[in-house]
């Protein structure tokens, strides 16, 4: 299926939902690539000057000679930012279906991502990282649910697209955080959020989210143990 011949190296981190987007896209494309885990608390000295001046993940080194990830070649093109990279993978592997051919469906996928970025991911950050009310999470869920098609398994229909790849890592981490009461929020709020989400009014959202977590590309790239252990340390309750 995959026919791209240039070398591709992904700089990533298991904990990072942004990097996870690109891992899902690469798995969907059945791409061959190298992966290098960046320790976000202790980044290698060569990373910012040679790969991503913003010093964040994800980033990609594309093309150029086939070299070890720790010694990126100046001849490779460096690309950063998760949504840029998800579309880049979709462009490299058009047969993956990540980016629909129909312009209307492309626009719908990009609009879905816009709602993830403006409504859903900020509510996850607010709840888990800042201890804000989970009411905003429920509003984010409602915003996503409103966009879901009446019939169809995924964000814009029956095909898994960039829209689904953009959303899934945030929902997966929210679920892990809430189930384990990991976060800056009051103890017990994780369970309350999960109970609230079980309401029939979120049935469509829950069916969608459940399908995402069963998707082989998601199962292959979501390291729940690593996320649990990192969150366990970060949000240890004394």
Protein backbone atom coordinates (compact mmCIF):
# COMPACT_ATOMS: atom_id res chain seq x y z
CA UNK A 1 0.00 0.00 0.00
CA UNK A 2 2.65 2.52 1.08
CA UNK A 3 4.98 3.57 -1.70
CA UNK A 4 6.76 6.64 -0.37
CA UNK A 5 10.50 5.98 -0.69
CA UNK A 6 12.05 8.94 1.14
CA UNK A 7 13.28 8.29 4.67
CA UNK A 8 11.04 9.66 7.43
CA UNK A 9 12.01 10.03 11.08
CA UNK A 10 9.39 11.00 13.66
CA UNK A 11 10.47 12.69 16.88
CA UNK A 12 7.76 11.92 19.39
CA UNK A 13 6.86 11.32 23.06
CA UNK A 14 4.39 8.74 24.38
CA UNK A 15 2.74 11.21 26.75
CA UNK A 16 2.11 13.89 24.13
CA UNK A 17 -1.35 13.95 22.50
CA UNK A 18 -0.05 16.14 19.67
CA UNK A 19 2.67 13.66 18.74
CA UNK A 20 0.17 10.81 19.04
CA UNK A 21 -1.88 12.37 16.23
CA UNK A 22 1.01 11.84 13.83
CA UNK A 23 1.67 8.29 15.06
CA UNK A 24 -1.95 7.41 14.33
CA UNK A 25 -1.73 8.95 10.85
CA UNK A 26 1.48 7.03 10.06
CA UNK A 27 -0.11 3.79 11.29
CA UNK A 28 -3.18 4.43 9.11
CA UNK A 29 -0.88 5.01 6.13
CA UNK A 30 1.10 1.84 6.93
CA UNK A 31 4.16 4.02 6.49
CA UNK A 32 7.68 2.81 7.15
CA UNK A 33 9.52 5.29 9.37
CA UNK A 34 11.92 5.59 12.25
CA UNK A 35 10.71 6.82 15.60
CA UNK A 36 12.72 8.54 18.30
CA UNK A 37 11.35 9.20 21.79
CA UNK A 38 12.20 12.66 23.14
CA UNK A 39 12.27 12.98 26.93
CA UNK A 40 10.28 16.20 27.30
CA UNK A 41 11.70 16.85 30.77
CA UNK A 42 15.27 16.39 29.54
CA UNK A 43 15.50 17.06 25.82
CA UNK A 44 18.73 16.18 23.98
CA UNK A 45 20.94 19.19 23.31
CA UNK A 46 20.93 18.55 19.56
CA UNK A 47 17.14 18.50 19.25
CA UNK A 48 16.24 22.21 19.07
CA UNK A 49 19.13 23.37 16.89
CA UNK A 50 19.00 20.42 14.49
CA UNK A 51 15.32 19.40 14.37
CA UNK A 52 12.79 21.82 15.85
CA UNK A 53 13.83 25.28 17.10
CA UNK A 54 10.60 25.43 19.14
CA UNK A 55 11.93 22.36 20.99
CA UNK A 56 8.54 20.61 20.91
CA UNK A 57 7.26 17.30 19.58
CA UNK A 58 6.10 16.12 17.14
CA UNK A 59 8.61 16.90 14.44
CA UNK A 60 9.74 15.04 11.35
CA UNK A 61 12.98 14.80 9.42
CA UNK A 62 12.04 13.92 5.86
CA UNK A 63 14.27 12.94 2.94
CA UNK A 64 18.02 13.20 2.85
CA UNK A 65 20.39 10.36 3.75
CA UNK A 66 19.36 7.45 5.94
CA UNK A 67 21.02 8.38 9.25
CA UNK A 68 20.39 7.54 12.92
CA UNK A 69 17.71 9.78 14.49
CA UNK A 70 20.25 11.17 16.99
CA UNK A 71 22.33 12.61 14.15
CA UNK A 72 19.78 14.28 11.86
CA UNK A 73 21.16 15.29 8.49
CA UNK A 74 21.07 18.94 7.41
CA UNK A 75 19.97 17.56 4.03
CA UNK A 76 16.62 16.37 5.38
CA UNK A 77 13.62 18.69 5.55
CA UNK A 78 12.44 19.37 9.11
CA UNK A 79 8.70 19.83 9.62
CA UNK A 80 6.84 20.48 12.88
CA UNK A 81 3.32 21.00 14.31
CA UNK A 82 0.91 18.10 14.66
CA UNK A 83 -1.86 19.21 12.31
CA UNK A 84 0.63 20.18 9.60
CA UNK A 85 2.23 16.75 9.95
CA UNK A 86 -1.06 14.84 9.91
CA UNK A 87 -1.90 16.50 6.58
CA UNK A 88 1.66 15.91 5.36
CA UNK A 89 1.26 12.16 6.00
CA UNK A 90 -2.12 12.28 4.25
CA UNK A 91 -0.46 13.97 1.25
CA UNK A 92 2.42 11.49 1.16
CA UNK A 93 0.00 8.54 1.30
CA UNK A 94 -3.14 9.62 -0.56
CA UNK A 95 -4.36 6.03 -0.73
CA UNK A 96 -4.62 6.00 3.09
CA UNK A 97 -7.90 7.94 2.77
CA UNK A 98 -6.83 10.22 5.63
CA UNK A 99 -7.71 13.23 3.51
CA UNK A 100 -10.89 12.67 1.49
CA UNK A 101 -10.79 13.47 -2.22
CA UNK A 102 -14.09 15.37 -2.07
CA UNK A 103 -13.50 19.09 -1.30
CA UNK A 104 -16.66 19.29 0.84
CA UNK A 105 -15.53 16.35 2.99
CA UNK A 106 -12.06 17.87 3.27
CA UNK A 107 -13.62 21.09 4.52
CA UNK A 108 -15.77 19.14 6.99
CA UNK A 109 -12.71 17.28 8.30
CA UNK A 110 -10.82 20.55 8.77
CA UNK A 111 -13.79 22.20 10.45
CA UNK A 112 -14.10 19.22 12.83
CA UNK A 113 -10.43 19.71 13.72
CA UNK A 114 -11.08 23.41 14.34
CA UNK A 115 -13.78 22.48 16.88
CA UNK A 116 -11.43 19.96 18.53
CA UNK A 117 -8.82 22.74 18.81
CA UNK A 118 -11.17 25.46 20.05
CA UNK A 119 -13.63 23.49 22.20
CA UNK A 120 -12.46 20.00 23.12
CA UNK A 121 -8.70 20.03 23.72
CA UNK A 122 -8.82 23.26 25.80
CA UNK A 123 -11.49 21.68 28.04
CA UNK A 124 -9.27 18.62 28.57
CA UNK A 125 -6.31 20.88 29.47
CA UNK A 126 -8.48 23.01 31.76
CA UNK A 127 -9.90 20.03 33.64
CA UNK A 128 -6.86 17.76 33.93
CA UNK A 129 -3.95 20.21 33.99
CA UNK A 130 -5.59 23.16 35.73
CA UNK A 131 -8.35 21.61 37.83
CA UNK A 132 -11.20 23.52 36.22
CA UNK A 133 -14.79 22.25 36.22
CA UNK A 134 -15.59 19.26 34.04
CA UNK A 135 -18.66 21.17 32.79
CA UNK A 136 -16.42 22.57 30.06
CA UNK A 137 -15.49 19.03 29.04
CA UNK A 138 -19.19 18.21 28.64
CA UNK A 139 -19.62 21.34 26.52
CA UNK A 140 -16.68 20.18 24.39
CA UNK A 141 -18.30 16.75 24.06
CA UNK A 142 -21.57 18.38 22.95
CA UNK A 143 -19.71 20.47 20.35
CA UNK A 144 -18.11 17.32 18.90
CA UNK A 145 -21.36 15.36 19.03
CA UNK A 146 -23.21 18.07 17.08
CA UNK A 147 -20.80 17.58 14.17
CA UNK A 148 -21.07 13.78 14.00
CA UNK A 149 -22.99 12.52 10.97
CA UNK A 150 -26.39 10.87 11.50
CA UNK A 151 -25.01 7.68 10.07
CA UNK A 152 -21.35 6.84 9.64
CA UNK A 153 -18.74 5.49 11.98
CA UNK A 154 -16.35 8.42 12.19
CA UNK A 155 -16.14 12.22 12.32
CA UNK A 156 -17.32 12.88 8.77
CA UNK A 157 -18.60 9.50 7.59
CA UNK A 158 -17.53 5.87 7.32
CA UNK A 159 -13.87 6.56 6.59
CA UNK A 160 -11.28 7.32 9.27
CA UNK A 161 -9.71 10.71 8.44
CA UNK A 162 -7.40 13.44 9.73
CA UNK A 163 -10.36 14.64 11.82
CA UNK A 164 -10.40 11.41 13.82
CA UNK A 165 -6.60 11.34 14.15
CA UNK A 166 -6.69 14.89 15.55
CA UNK A 167 -9.36 14.16 18.16
CA UNK A 168 -8.55 10.67 19.44
CA UNK A 169 -5.35 11.36 21.47
CA UNK A 170 -7.10 13.97 23.60
CA UNK A 171 -10.12 11.81 24.32
CA UNK A 172 -7.90 8.81 25.12
CA UNK A 173 -5.88 10.81 27.65
CA UNK A 174 -8.97 12.38 29.17
CA UNK A 175 -10.41 8.89 29.73
CA UNK A 176 -7.20 7.59 31.32
CA UNK A 177 -6.98 10.67 33.56
CA UNK A 178 -10.63 10.49 34.67
CA UNK A 179 -10.61 6.72 35.29
CA UNK A 180 -7.56 7.02 37.54
CA UNK A 181 -8.40 10.41 39.14
CA UNK A 182 -5.21 11.86 37.65
CA UNK A 183 -5.39 15.63 37.47
CA UNK A 184 -5.37 18.93 39.32
CA UNK A 185 -9.12 18.64 39.89
CA UNK A 186 -10.83 17.67 43.15
CA UNK A 187 -10.61 13.94 43.94
CA UNK A 188 -13.77 12.19 42.70
CA UNK A 189 -14.37 14.59 39.81
CA UNK A 190 -12.96 12.06 37.34
CA UNK A 191 -15.62 9.54 38.32
CA UNK A 192 -18.30 12.27 38.25
CA UNK A 193 -17.30 13.22 34.72
CA UNK A 194 -17.42 9.60 33.54
CA UNK A 195 -20.84 9.15 35.19
CA UNK A 196 -22.13 12.32 33.51
CA UNK A 197 -20.86 11.07 30.14
CA UNK A 198 -22.92 7.89 30.51
CA UNK A 199 -26.09 9.93 30.06
CA UNK A 200 -28.15 8.83 27.02
CA UNK A 201 -27.81 12.35 25.63
CA UNK A 202 -24.17 11.58 24.84
CA UNK A 203 -24.93 8.20 23.24
CA UNK A 204 -23.79 9.25 19.78
CA UNK A 205 -20.53 10.68 21.11
CA UNK A 206 -19.85 7.58 23.20
CA UNK A 207 -20.45 5.25 20.27
CA UNK A 208 -18.02 7.31 18.19
CA UNK A 209 -15.36 7.46 20.92
CA UNK A 210 -15.67 3.73 21.50
CA UNK A 211 -15.04 3.00 17.83
CA UNK A 212 -11.97 5.23 17.86
CA UNK A 213 -10.39 3.39 20.79
CA UNK A 214 -10.95 0.06 19.01
CA UNK A 215 -9.30 1.25 15.80
CA UNK A 216 -6.11 -0.81 15.16
CA UNK A 217 -4.00 2.31 14.48
CA UNK A 218 -5.05 3.74 17.84
CA UNK A 219 -4.52 0.51 19.79
CA UNK A 220 -1.08 0.12 18.22
CA UNK A 221 0.05 3.64 19.14
CA UNK A 222 -1.64 4.37 22.50
CA UNK A 223 0.73 3.42 25.32
CA UNK A 224 -1.69 3.44 28.24
CA UNK A 225 0.85 2.12 30.77
CA UNK A 226 3.31 4.88 29.95
CA UNK A 227 0.62 7.58 30.16
CA UNK A 228 -0.67 6.19 33.47
CA UNK A 229 2.79 6.11 35.02
CA UNK A 230 3.65 9.64 33.82
CA UNK A 231 0.32 11.05 35.02
CA UNK A 232 0.65 9.12 38.28
CA UNK A 233 3.86 10.96 39.06
CA UNK A 234 2.72 14.34 37.71
CA UNK A 235 -0.60 14.32 39.56
CA UNK A 236 0.39 12.41 42.70
CA UNK A 237 -2.10 13.27 45.45
CA UNK A 238 -0.36 13.86 48.77
